[in-house]
Amino acid sequence: MYSASMHEGMEGPHLFEITVKTNDPANAEKKLLVRANWAARDAKVRPTK
C-alpha cells in the first residue's frame, strides 16, 4: 500500500513518477505515473477531472 499526504498550501494537480524494478532483464525498470488533484479536506470546490 502506498500513501501520501500534502502539506498545507500544496493543493492542486500533481504528477508522481514511481520507478518499479522488474525481474525482466530486457526491461529492468518501469515507470508508474500517478496523476492526482489534491484538495484540502474542507475545500468548497470539487476537484477537476
Protein backbone atom coordinates (compact mmCIF):
# COMPACT_ATOMS: atom_id res chain seq x y z
CA MET A 1 0.00 0.00 0.00
CA TYR A 2 1.29 3.46 -0.90
CA SER A 3 0.01 6.56 0.80
CA ALA A 4 0.96 10.20 0.63
CA SER A 5 -0.05 13.44 2.25
CA MET A 6 0.45 17.06 1.29
CA HIS A 7 1.38 20.00 3.46
CA GLU A 8 -0.95 22.98 3.67
CA GLY A 9 -0.77 25.11 0.53
CA MET A 10 0.18 22.19 -1.75
CA GLU A 11 -3.31 21.70 -3.24
CA GLY A 12 -3.81 21.24 -6.95
CA PRO A 13 -2.74 18.89 -9.69
CA HIS A 14 0.35 16.72 -9.27
CA LEU A 15 2.08 14.04 -11.33
CA PHE A 16 4.03 11.43 -9.38
CA GLU A 17 6.57 9.21 -11.14
CA ILE A 18 7.43 5.96 -9.33
CA THR A 19 10.17 3.70 -10.68
CA VAL A 20 9.42 0.00 -10.27
CA LYS A 21 12.14 -2.62 -10.64
CA THR A 22 11.14 -5.76 -12.56
CA ASN A 23 12.61 -9.23 -12.98
CA ASP A 24 12.66 -8.83 -16.78
CA PRO A 25 16.31 -8.48 -17.93
CA ALA A 26 15.20 -6.74 -21.14
CA ASN A 27 13.19 -4.14 -19.21
CA ALA A 28 14.69 -3.90 -15.70
CA GLU A 29 12.68 -0.81 -14.68
CA LYS A 30 9.21 0.50 -15.46
CA LYS A 31 7.78 3.88 -14.58
CA LEU A 32 4.40 4.15 -12.90
CA LEU A 33 2.78 7.55 -13.39
CA VAL A 34 0.11 8.66 -10.93
CA ARG A 35 -1.88 11.80 -11.65
CA ALA A 36 -3.71 13.33 -8.68
CA ASN A 37 -5.60 16.53 -7.97
CA TRP A 38 -5.24 17.23 -4.26
CA ALA A 39 -7.85 19.30 -2.48
CA ALA A 40 -7.98 20.41 1.13
CA ARG A 41 -10.39 18.39 3.27
CA ASP A 42 -12.53 21.43 3.92
CA ALA A 43 -12.35 22.74 0.34
CA LYS A 44 -15.57 24.14 -1.08
CA VAL A 45 -14.57 23.31 -4.67
CA ARG A 46 -14.74 19.97 -6.42
CA PRO A 47 -11.54 18.57 -7.94
CA THR A 48 -11.30 18.74 -11.74
CA LYS A 49 -11.27 15.64 -13.89
